[in-house]
Amino acid sequence: MKALRAQRILMGLILLVGLLLMRSGRSWGEYLLWFVALMSLLAGIINFCPSEWFFRKLFKE
């Protein structure tokens, strides 16, 4: 598995957990959605994502 693919899978899982928490009535699930959205925006602007860096180290890419 490549680092970028693992990072995208993690991002999708966090978004799903946030949505499930919101649907179950827990308002703090929204914070997970905002966190992923802002980190994605930041990664697009400055070309650095901490989770991608971590997965690159983990998979030795």
PDB file of N, CA and C in Angstrom:
ATOM      1  N   MET A   1       0.849  -1.173   0.000  1.00  0.00           N
ATOM      2  CA  MET A   1       0.000   0.000   0.000  1.00  0.00           C
ATOM      3  C   MET A   1       0.895   1.235   0.000  1.00  0.00           C
ATOM      4  N   LYS A   2       0.493   2.223  -0.741  1.00  0.00           N
ATOM      5  CA  LYS A   2       1.231   3.472  -0.821  1.00  0.00           C
ATOM      6  C   LYS A   2       0.786   4.412   0.295  1.00  0.00           C
ATOM      7  N   ALA A   3       1.672   5.350   0.641  1.00  0.00           N
ATOM      8  CA  ALA A   3       1.399   6.279   1.733  1.00  0.00           C
ATOM      9  C   ALA A   3       0.198   7.168   1.435  1.00  0.00           C
ATOM     10  N   LEU A   4       0.107   7.681   0.227  1.00  0.00           N
ATOM     11  CA  LEU A   4      -1.005   8.564  -0.116  1.00  0.00           C
ATOM     12  C   LEU A   4      -2.344   7.829  -0.063  1.00  0.00           C
ATOM     13  N   ARG A   5      -2.345   6.579  -0.492  1.00  0.00           N
ATOM     14  CA  ARG A   5      -3.578   5.779  -0.438  1.00  0.00           C
ATOM     15  C   ARG A   5      -4.000   5.538   1.015  1.00  0.00           C
ATOM     16  N   ALA A   6      -3.035   5.220   1.881  1.00  0.00           N
ATOM     17  CA  ALA A   6      -3.342   5.009   3.297  1.00  0.00           C
ATOM     18  C   ALA A   6      -3.852   6.298   3.942  1.00  0.00           C
ATOM     19  N   GLN A   7      -3.267   7.415   3.559  1.00  0.00           N
ATOM     20  CA  GLN A   7      -3.693   8.706   4.102  1.00  0.00           C
ATOM     21  C   GLN A   7      -5.124   9.016   3.682  1.00  0.00           C
ATOM     22  N   ARG A   8      -5.479   8.725   2.449  1.00  0.00           N
ATOM     23  CA  ARG A   8      -6.846   8.979   1.971  1.00  0.00           C
ATOM     24  C   ARG A   8      -7.846   8.049   2.639  1.00  0.00           C
ATOM     25  N   ILE A   9      -7.462   6.812   2.887  1.00  0.00           N
ATOM     26  CA  ILE A   9      -8.342   5.870   3.590  1.00  0.00           C
ATOM     27  C   ILE A   9      -8.585   6.364   5.013  1.00  0.00           C
ATOM     28  N   LEU A  10      -7.534   6.820   5.688  1.00  0.00           N
ATOM     29  CA  LEU A  10      -7.672   7.356   7.041  1.00  0.00           C
ATOM     30  C   LEU A  10      -8.583   8.577   7.040  1.00  0.00           C
ATOM     31  N   MET A  11      -8.403   9.460   6.068  1.00  0.00           N
ATOM     32  CA  MET A  11      -9.240  10.654   5.976  1.00  0.00           C
ATOM     33  C   MET A  11     -10.709  10.260   5.784  1.00  0.00           C
ATOM     34  N   GLY A  12     -10.975   9.296   4.923  1.00  0.00           N
ATOM     35  CA  GLY A  12     -12.338   8.834   4.708  1.00  0.00           C
ATOM     36  C   GLY A  12     -12.949   8.220   5.954  1.00  0.00           C
ATOM     37  N   LEU A  13     -12.160   7.438   6.688  1.00  0.00           N
ATOM     38  CA  LEU A  13     -12.664   6.827   7.921  1.00  0.00           C
ATOM     39  C   LEU A  13     -12.993   7.879   8.971  1.00  0.00           C
ATOM     40  N   ILE A  14     -12.146   8.895   9.096  1.00  0.00           N
ATOM     41  CA  ILE A  14     -12.417   9.955  10.069  1.00  0.00           C
ATOM     42  C   ILE A  14     -13.685  10.715   9.687  1.00  0.00           C
ATOM     43  N   LEU A  15     -13.863  10.972   8.394  1.00  0.00           N
ATOM     44  CA  LEU A  15     -15.091  11.642   7.946  1.00  0.00           C
ATOM     45  C   LEU A  15     -16.323  10.797   8.237  1.00  0.00           C
ATOM     46  N   LEU A  16     -16.243   9.487   7.987  1.00  0.00           N
ATOM     47  CA  LEU A  16     -17.377   8.607   8.269  1.00  0.00           C
ATOM     48  C   LEU A  16     -17.706   8.556   9.760  1.00  0.00           C
ATOM     49  N   VAL A  17     -16.681   8.483  10.595  1.00  0.00           N
ATOM     50  CA  VAL A  17     -16.910   8.476  12.043  1.00  0.00           C
ATOM     51  C   VAL A  17     -17.571   9.780  12.474  1.00  0.00           C
ATOM     52  N   GLY A  18     -17.092  10.900  11.933  1.00  0.00           N
ATOM     53  CA  GLY A  18     -17.696  12.188  12.262  1.00  0.00           C
ATOM     54  C   GLY A  18     -19.156  12.259  11.847  1.00  0.00           C
ATOM     55  N   LEU A  19     -19.466  11.756  10.651  1.00  0.00           N
ATOM     56  CA  LEU A  19     -20.856  11.754  10.201  1.00  0.00           C
ATOM     57  C   LEU A  19     -21.736  10.850  11.056  1.00  0.00           C
ATOM     58  N   LEU A  20     -21.215   9.678  11.407  1.00  0.00           N
ATOM     59  CA  LEU A  20     -21.987   8.763  12.261  1.00  0.00           C
ATOM     60  C   LEU A  20     -22.239   9.369  13.639  1.00  0.00           C
ATOM     61  N   LEU A  21     -21.242  10.047  14.183  1.00  0.00           N
ATOM     62  CA  LEU A  21     -21.420  10.697  15.483  1.00  0.00           C
ATOM     63  C   LEU A  21     -22.461  11.810  15.409  1.00  0.00           C
ATOM     64  N   MET A  22     -22.428  12.576  14.322  1.00  0.00           N
ATOM     65  CA  MET A  22     -23.417  13.646  14.172  1.00  0.00           C
ATOM     66  C   MET A  22     -24.825  13.079  14.035  1.00  0.00           C
ATOM     67  N   ARG A  23     -24.962  11.994  13.265  1.00  0.00           N
ATOM     68  CA  ARG A  23     -26.290  11.394  13.073  1.00  0.00           C
ATOM     69  C   ARG A  23     -26.821  10.771  14.356  1.00  0.00           C
ATOM     70  N   SER A  24     -25.912  10.359  15.245  1.00  0.00           N
ATOM     71  CA  SER A  24     -26.365   9.750  16.500  1.00  0.00           C
ATOM     72  C   SER A  24     -26.637  10.803  17.575  1.00  0.00           C
ATOM     73  N   GLY A  25     -26.515  12.077  17.211  1.00  0.00           N
ATOM     74  CA  GLY A  25     -26.872  13.133  18.150  1.00  0.00           C
ATOM     75  C   GLY A  25     -25.717  13.737  18.914  1.00  0.00           C
ATOM     76  N   ARG A  26     -24.516  13.314  18.644  1.00  0.00           N
ATOM     77  CA  ARG A  26     -23.353  13.880  19.339  1.00  0.00           C
ATOM     78  C   ARG A  26     -22.793  15.027  18.492  1.00  0.00           C
ATOM     79  N   SER A  27     -22.885  16.222  19.021  1.00  0.00           N
ATOM     80  CA  SER A  27     -22.511  17.397  18.236  1.00  0.00           C
ATOM     81  C   SER A  27     -20.999  17.492  18.019  1.00  0.00           C
ATOM     82  N   TRP A  28     -20.211  16.820  18.837  1.00  0.00           N
ATOM     83  CA  TRP A  28     -18.763  16.947  18.677  1.00  0.00           C
ATOM     84  C   TRP A  28     -18.237  16.170  17.489  1.00  0.00           C
ATOM     85  N   GLY A  29     -19.095  15.390  16.843  1.00  0.00           N
ATOM     86  CA  GLY A  29     -18.693  14.740  15.603  1.00  0.00           C
ATOM     87  C   GLY A  29     -18.421  15.759  14.508  1.00  0.00           C
ATOM     88  N   GLU A  30     -19.069  16.912  14.624  1.00  0.00           N
ATOM     89  CA  GLU A  30     -18.844  17.994  13.663  1.00  0.00           C
ATOM     90  C   GLU A  30     -17.398  18.483  13.698  1.00  0.00           C
ATOM     91  N   TYR A  31     -16.772  18.435  14.864  1.00  0.00           N
ATOM     92  CA  TYR A  31     -15.378  18.875  14.977  1.00  0.00           C
ATOM     93  C   TYR A  31     -14.447  17.995  14.145  1.00  0.00           C
ATOM     94  N   LEU A  32     -14.750  16.710  14.062  1.00  0.00           N
ATOM     95  CA  LEU A  32     -13.951  15.831  13.208  1.00  0.00           C
ATOM     96  C   LEU A  32     -14.071  16.230  11.741  1.00  0.00           C
ATOM     97  N   LEU A  33     -15.274  16.577  11.327  1.00  0.00           N
ATOM     98  CA  LEU A  33     -15.480  17.003   9.944  1.00  0.00           C
ATOM     99  C   LEU A  33     -14.714  18.286   9.653  1.00  0.00           C
ATOM    100  N   TRP A  34     -14.805  19.241  10.563  1.00  0.00           N
ATOM    101  CA  TRP A  34     -14.077  20.502  10.379  1.00  0.00           C
ATOM    102  C   TRP A  34     -12.579  20.278  10.375  1.00  0.00           C
ATOM    103  N   PHE A  35     -12.097  19.403  11.249  1.00  0.00           N
ATOM    104  CA  PHE A  35     -10.666  19.127  11.331  1.00  0.00           C
ATOM    105  C   PHE A  35     -10.144  18.573  10.005  1.00  0.00           C
ATOM    106  N   VAL A  36     -10.827  17.582   9.450  1.00  0.00           N
ATOM    107  CA  VAL A  36     -10.391  16.979   8.186  1.00  0.00           C
ATOM    108  C   VAL A  36     -10.484  17.994   7.055  1.00  0.00           C
ATOM    109  N   ALA A  37     -11.553  18.775   7.032  1.00  0.00           N
ATOM    110  CA  ALA A  37     -11.716  19.772   5.976  1.00  0.00           C
ATOM    111  C   ALA A  37     -10.612  20.827   6.040  1.00  0.00           C
ATOM    112  N   LEU A  38     -10.324  21.330   7.221  1.00  0.00           N
ATOM    113  CA  LEU A  38      -9.290  22.360   7.350  1.00  0.00           C
ATOM    114  C   LEU A  38      -7.892  21.810   7.080  1.00  0.00           C
ATOM    115  N   MET A  39      -7.619  20.587   7.527  1.00  0.00           N
ATOM    116  CA  MET A  39      -6.309  19.997   7.253  1.00  0.00           C
ATOM    117  C   MET A  39      -6.136  19.722   5.765  1.00  0.00           C
ATOM    118  N   SER A  40      -7.205  19.324   5.073  1.00  0.00           N
ATOM    119  CA  SER A  40      -7.130  19.113   3.628  1.00  0.00           C
ATOM    120  C   SER A  40      -6.871  20.430   2.904  1.00  0.00           C
ATOM    121  N   LEU A  41      -7.545  21.479   3.335  1.00  0.00           N
ATOM    122  CA  LEU A  41      -7.335  22.795   2.743  1.00  0.00           C
ATOM    123  C   LEU A  41      -5.905  23.277   2.996  1.00  0.00           C
ATOM    124  N   LEU A  42      -5.437  23.115   4.209  1.00  0.00           N
ATOM    125  CA  LEU A  42      -4.072  23.513   4.555  1.00  0.00           C
ATOM    126  C   LEU A  42      -3.046  22.723   3.757  1.00  0.00           C
ATOM    127  N   ALA A  43      -3.266  21.438   3.600  1.00  0.00           N
ATOM    128  CA  ALA A  43      -2.354  20.599   2.819  1.00  0.00           C
ATOM    129  C   ALA A  43      -2.324  21.041   1.362  1.00  0.00           C
ATOM    130  N   GLY A  44      -3.458  21.463   0.843  1.00  0.00           N
ATOM    131  CA  GLY A  44      -3.502  21.940  -0.528  1.00  0.00           C
ATOM    132  C   GLY A  44      -2.782  23.267  -0.714  1.00  0.00           C
ATOM    133  N   ILE A  45      -2.832  24.121   0.296  1.00  0.00           N
ATOM    134  CA  ILE A  45      -2.212  25.443   0.196  1.00  0.00           C
ATOM    135  C   ILE A  45      -0.709  25.378   0.411  1.00  0.00           C
ATOM    136  N   ILE A  46      -0.264  24.699   1.478  1.00  0.00           N
ATOM    137  CA  ILE A  46       1.176  24.705   1.794  1.00  0.00           C
ATOM    138  C   ILE A  46       1.894  23.418   1.403  1.00  0.00           C
ATOM    139  N   ASN A  47       1.164  22.468   0.839  1.00  0.00           N
ATOM    140  CA  ASN A  47       1.744  21.204   0.362  1.00  0.00           C
ATOM    141  C   ASN A  47       2.438  20.417   1.474  1.00  0.00           C
ATOM    142  N   PHE A  48       1.830  20.391   2.649  1.00  0.00           N
ATOM    143  CA  PHE A  48       2.334  19.572   3.756  1.00  0.00           C
ATOM    144  C   PHE A  48       1.150  19.036   4.537  1.00  0.00           C
ATOM    145  N   CYS A  49       1.144  17.736   4.743  1.00  0.00           N
ATOM    146  CA  CYS A  49       0.104  17.087   5.540  1.00  0.00           C
ATOM    147  C   CYS A  49       0.795  16.171   6.551  1.00  0.00           C
ATOM    148  N   PRO A  50       0.585  16.385   7.844  1.00  0.00           N
ATOM    149  CA  PRO A  50       1.258  15.565   8.850  1.00  0.00           C
ATOM    150  C   PRO A  50       0.971  14.064   8.707  1.00  0.00           C
ATOM    151  N   SER A  51      -0.259  13.702   8.370  1.00  0.00           N
ATOM    152  CA  SER A  51      -0.555  12.272   8.251  1.00  0.00           C
ATOM    153  C   SER A  51       0.137  11.661   7.036  1.00  0.00           C
ATOM    154  N   GLU A  52       0.250  12.416   5.957  1.00  0.00           N
ATOM    155  CA  GLU A  52       0.966  11.909   4.785  1.00  0.00           C
ATOM    156  C   GLU A  52       2.448  11.732   5.101  1.00  0.00           C
ATOM    157  N   TRP A  53       3.020  12.684   5.841  1.00  0.00           N
ATOM    158  CA  TRP A  53       4.420  12.577   6.259  1.00  0.00           C
ATOM    159  C   TRP A  53       4.613  11.322   7.110  1.00  0.00           C
ATOM    160  N   PHE A  54       3.684  11.080   8.048  1.00  0.00           N
ATOM    161  CA  PHE A  54       3.759   9.910   8.912  1.00  0.00           C
ATOM    162  C   PHE A  54       3.696   8.616   8.102  1.00  0.00           C
ATOM    163  N   PHE A  55       2.749   8.534   7.167  1.00  0.00           N
ATOM    164  CA  PHE A  55       2.618   7.319   6.365  1.00  0.00           C
ATOM    165  C   PHE A  55       3.815   7.114   5.444  1.00  0.00           C
ATOM    166  N   ARG A  56       4.415   8.190   4.949  1.00  0.00           N
ATOM    167  CA  ARG A  56       5.621   8.048   4.121  1.00  0.00           C
ATOM    168  C   ARG A  56       6.771   7.450   4.947  1.00  0.00           C
ATOM    169  N   LYS A  57       6.883   7.871   6.187  1.00  0.00           N
ATOM    170  CA  LYS A  57       7.898   7.301   7.081  1.00  0.00           C
ATOM    171  C   LYS A  57       7.579   5.852   7.404  1.00  0.00           C
ATOM    172  N   LEU A  58       6.302   5.557   7.635  1.00  0.00           N
ATOM    173  CA  LEU A  58       5.869   4.221   8.001  1.00  0.00           C
ATOM    174  C   LEU A  58       6.113   3.223   6.852  1.00  0.00           C
ATOM    175  N   PHE A  59       5.780   3.633   5.623  1.00  0.00           N
ATOM    176  CA  PHE A  59       5.937   2.762   4.465  1.00  0.00           C
ATOM    177  C   PHE A  59       7.290   2.919   3.786  1.00  0.00           C
ATOM    178  N   LYS A  60       8.164   3.757   4.363  1.00  0.00           N
ATOM    179  CA  LYS A  60       9.530   3.966   3.863  1.00  0.00           C
ATOM    180  C   LYS A  60       9.542   4.375   2.385  1.00  0.00           C
ATOM    181  N   GLU A  61       8.784   5.425   2.087  1.00  0.00           N
ATOM    182  CA  GLU A  61       8.739   5.946   0.714  1.00  0.00           C
ATOM    183  C   GLU A  61       9.607   7.184   0.622  1.00  0.00           C
TER     184      GLU A  61
END
